[in-house]
N, C-alpha and C. Protein backbone atom coordinates (compact mmCIF):
# COMPACT_ATOMS: atom_id res chain seq x y z
N MET A 1 0.80 -1.14 -0.01
CA MET A 1 -0.04 -0.02 -0.04
C MET A 1 0.86 1.24 -0.02
N ALA A 2 0.32 2.24 -0.45
CA ALA A 2 1.04 3.55 -0.55
C ALA A 2 0.05 4.72 -0.51
N TYR A 3 0.50 5.89 -0.69
CA TYR A 3 -0.39 7.09 -0.81
C TYR A 3 -0.12 7.67 -2.24
N ARG A 4 -1.18 8.36 -2.69
CA ARG A 4 -1.09 9.03 -4.01
C ARG A 4 -1.66 10.45 -3.87
N ILE A 5 -1.03 11.37 -4.58
CA ILE A 5 -1.56 12.78 -4.69
C ILE A 5 -2.29 13.00 -5.87
N ASN A 6 -3.52 13.50 -5.65
CA ASN A 6 -4.40 13.90 -6.82
C ASN A 6 -3.80 15.31 -7.37
N LYS A 7 -3.11 15.25 -8.43
CA LYS A 7 -2.38 16.46 -8.96
C LYS A 7 -3.45 17.57 -9.33
N ASP A 8 -4.61 17.18 -9.72
CA ASP A 8 -5.60 18.25 -10.14
C ASP A 8 -6.06 19.02 -8.90
N GLU A 9 -5.95 18.46 -7.69
CA GLU A 9 -6.33 19.15 -6.44
C GLU A 9 -5.28 19.72 -5.66
N CYS A 10 -4.01 19.19 -5.98
CA CYS A 10 -2.89 19.75 -5.23
C CYS A 10 -2.59 21.24 -5.37
N ILE A 11 -2.32 21.90 -4.38
CA ILE A 11 -2.10 23.41 -4.48
C ILE A 11 -0.50 23.73 -4.36
N GLY A 12 0.20 22.69 -4.23
CA GLY A 12 1.72 22.83 -4.27
C GLY A 12 2.21 23.52 -3.04
N CYS A 13 1.58 23.35 -1.92
CA CYS A 13 2.05 23.99 -0.65
C CYS A 13 3.24 23.42 -0.11
N GLY A 14 3.58 22.14 -0.36
CA GLY A 14 4.75 21.45 0.17
C GLY A 14 4.68 20.92 1.66
N ALA A 15 3.46 21.00 2.23
CA ALA A 15 3.36 20.63 3.56
C ALA A 15 3.66 19.02 3.69
N CYS A 16 3.14 18.25 2.72
CA CYS A 16 3.34 16.85 2.71
C CYS A 16 4.83 16.52 2.58
N GLU A 17 5.45 17.21 1.77
CA GLU A 17 6.95 16.95 1.57
C GLU A 17 7.73 17.27 2.84
N ALA A 18 7.33 18.20 3.53
CA ALA A 18 7.95 18.58 4.74
C ALA A 18 7.91 17.58 5.91
N VAL A 19 6.75 16.89 5.95
CA VAL A 19 6.65 15.84 6.96
C VAL A 19 6.98 14.52 6.65
N CYS A 20 7.30 14.22 5.41
CA CYS A 20 7.52 12.76 4.97
C CYS A 20 8.73 12.33 5.72
N PRO A 21 8.68 11.29 6.48
CA PRO A 21 9.82 10.76 7.18
C PRO A 21 10.91 10.05 6.34
N VAL A 22 10.58 9.64 5.08
CA VAL A 22 11.43 8.94 4.21
C VAL A 22 11.80 9.71 2.93
N SER A 23 11.37 10.98 2.93
CA SER A 23 11.56 11.95 1.74
C SER A 23 11.23 11.28 0.46
N CYS A 24 10.01 10.75 0.36
CA CYS A 24 9.57 10.13 -0.86
C CYS A 24 8.65 11.09 -1.72
N ILE A 25 8.53 12.21 -1.25
CA ILE A 25 7.63 13.20 -1.89
C ILE A 25 8.59 14.39 -2.60
N SER A 26 8.24 14.65 -3.79
CA SER A 26 9.08 15.61 -4.43
C SER A 26 8.28 16.62 -5.31
N GLU A 27 8.76 17.69 -5.62
CA GLU A 27 8.11 18.64 -6.45
C GLU A 27 8.33 18.28 -7.90
N VAL A 28 7.26 18.32 -8.66
CA VAL A 28 7.34 18.11 -10.16
C VAL A 28 7.36 19.39 -10.95
N GLU A 29 7.39 19.46 -12.16
CA GLU A 29 7.59 20.63 -13.04
C GLU A 29 6.52 21.73 -12.80
N ASP A 30 5.38 21.35 -12.50
CA ASP A 30 4.28 22.30 -12.32
C ASP A 30 4.12 22.84 -10.86
N GLY A 31 5.08 22.50 -10.00
CA GLY A 31 5.07 22.97 -8.66
C GLY A 31 4.35 22.14 -7.70
N LYS A 32 3.54 21.23 -8.25
CA LYS A 32 2.78 20.29 -7.49
C LYS A 32 3.75 19.19 -6.89
N ARG A 33 3.17 18.36 -6.04
CA ARG A 33 4.04 17.31 -5.47
C ARG A 33 3.60 15.88 -6.00
N GLU A 34 4.52 15.01 -5.88
CA GLU A 34 4.41 13.69 -6.37
C GLU A 34 4.87 12.72 -5.36
N ILE A 35 4.37 11.53 -5.09
CA ILE A 35 4.84 10.60 -4.08
C ILE A 35 5.45 9.41 -4.89
N ASN A 36 6.72 9.03 -4.48
CA ASN A 36 7.27 7.87 -5.06
C ASN A 36 6.73 6.68 -4.31
N GLU A 37 5.77 5.96 -4.96
CA GLU A 37 5.04 5.00 -4.21
C GLU A 37 5.83 3.77 -3.87
N ASN A 38 7.01 3.59 -4.56
CA ASN A 38 7.91 2.42 -4.19
C ASN A 38 8.65 2.66 -2.86
N ASP A 39 8.86 3.99 -2.58
CA ASP A 39 9.54 4.37 -1.23
C ASP A 39 8.67 4.68 -0.15
N CYS A 40 7.32 4.79 -0.38
CA CYS A 40 6.37 5.15 0.60
C CYS A 40 6.15 4.10 1.71
N ILE A 41 6.27 4.53 2.97
CA ILE A 41 6.15 3.53 3.98
C ILE A 41 4.69 3.35 4.56
N ASP A 42 3.81 4.22 3.95
CA ASP A 42 2.36 4.04 4.33
C ASP A 42 2.08 4.61 5.74
N CYS A 43 2.78 5.58 6.10
CA CYS A 43 2.62 6.19 7.49
C CYS A 43 1.56 7.06 7.53
N GLY A 44 1.08 7.82 6.44
CA GLY A 44 -0.08 8.62 6.52
C GLY A 44 0.29 10.14 6.94
N SER A 45 1.52 10.37 7.22
CA SER A 45 1.82 11.73 7.71
C SER A 45 1.40 12.77 6.77
N CYS A 46 1.71 12.45 5.45
CA CYS A 46 1.35 13.52 4.38
C CYS A 46 -0.17 13.72 4.23
N ALA A 47 -0.92 12.65 4.26
CA ALA A 47 -2.33 12.89 4.20
C ALA A 47 -2.91 13.71 5.30
N SER A 48 -2.30 13.56 6.55
CA SER A 48 -2.84 14.23 7.77
C SER A 48 -2.61 15.69 7.73
N VAL A 49 -1.59 16.16 7.00
CA VAL A 49 -1.23 17.58 6.97
C VAL A 49 -1.75 18.40 5.71
N CYS A 50 -2.24 17.57 4.78
CA CYS A 50 -2.68 18.19 3.51
C CYS A 50 -3.91 19.14 3.65
N PRO A 51 -3.75 20.45 3.38
CA PRO A 51 -4.85 21.38 3.64
C PRO A 51 -6.01 21.19 2.73
N VAL A 52 -5.88 20.47 1.65
CA VAL A 52 -6.98 20.41 0.68
C VAL A 52 -7.35 18.86 0.54
N SER A 53 -6.82 18.05 1.37
CA SER A 53 -7.11 16.58 1.34
C SER A 53 -7.07 15.86 -0.04
N CYS A 54 -5.97 16.21 -0.66
CA CYS A 54 -5.80 15.54 -2.01
C CYS A 54 -4.91 14.38 -2.03
N ILE A 55 -4.53 13.86 -0.84
CA ILE A 55 -3.78 12.60 -0.71
C ILE A 55 -4.51 11.46 -0.21
N SER A 56 -4.63 10.46 -0.90
CA SER A 56 -5.41 9.24 -0.50
C SER A 56 -4.51 7.97 -0.55
N GLN A 57 -4.96 6.99 0.24
CA GLN A 57 -4.27 5.67 0.19
C GLN A 57 -4.67 4.91 -1.01
N ILE A 58 -3.69 4.21 -1.53
CA ILE A 58 -4.11 3.34 -2.75
C ILE A 58 -3.89 1.89 -2.40
């Protein structure tokens, strides 16, 4: 399992990237964030801080 960011809803604030304990979230060319699902440890920290709730478990 892992988490995924809905890029259509992401506002690019970076809160998720700041709290990720394994640094698997990075900024993509449009300023939004993307999660490397292979490195995600399924902790849920990113989803808990997202101000627009665009991160969901897959």
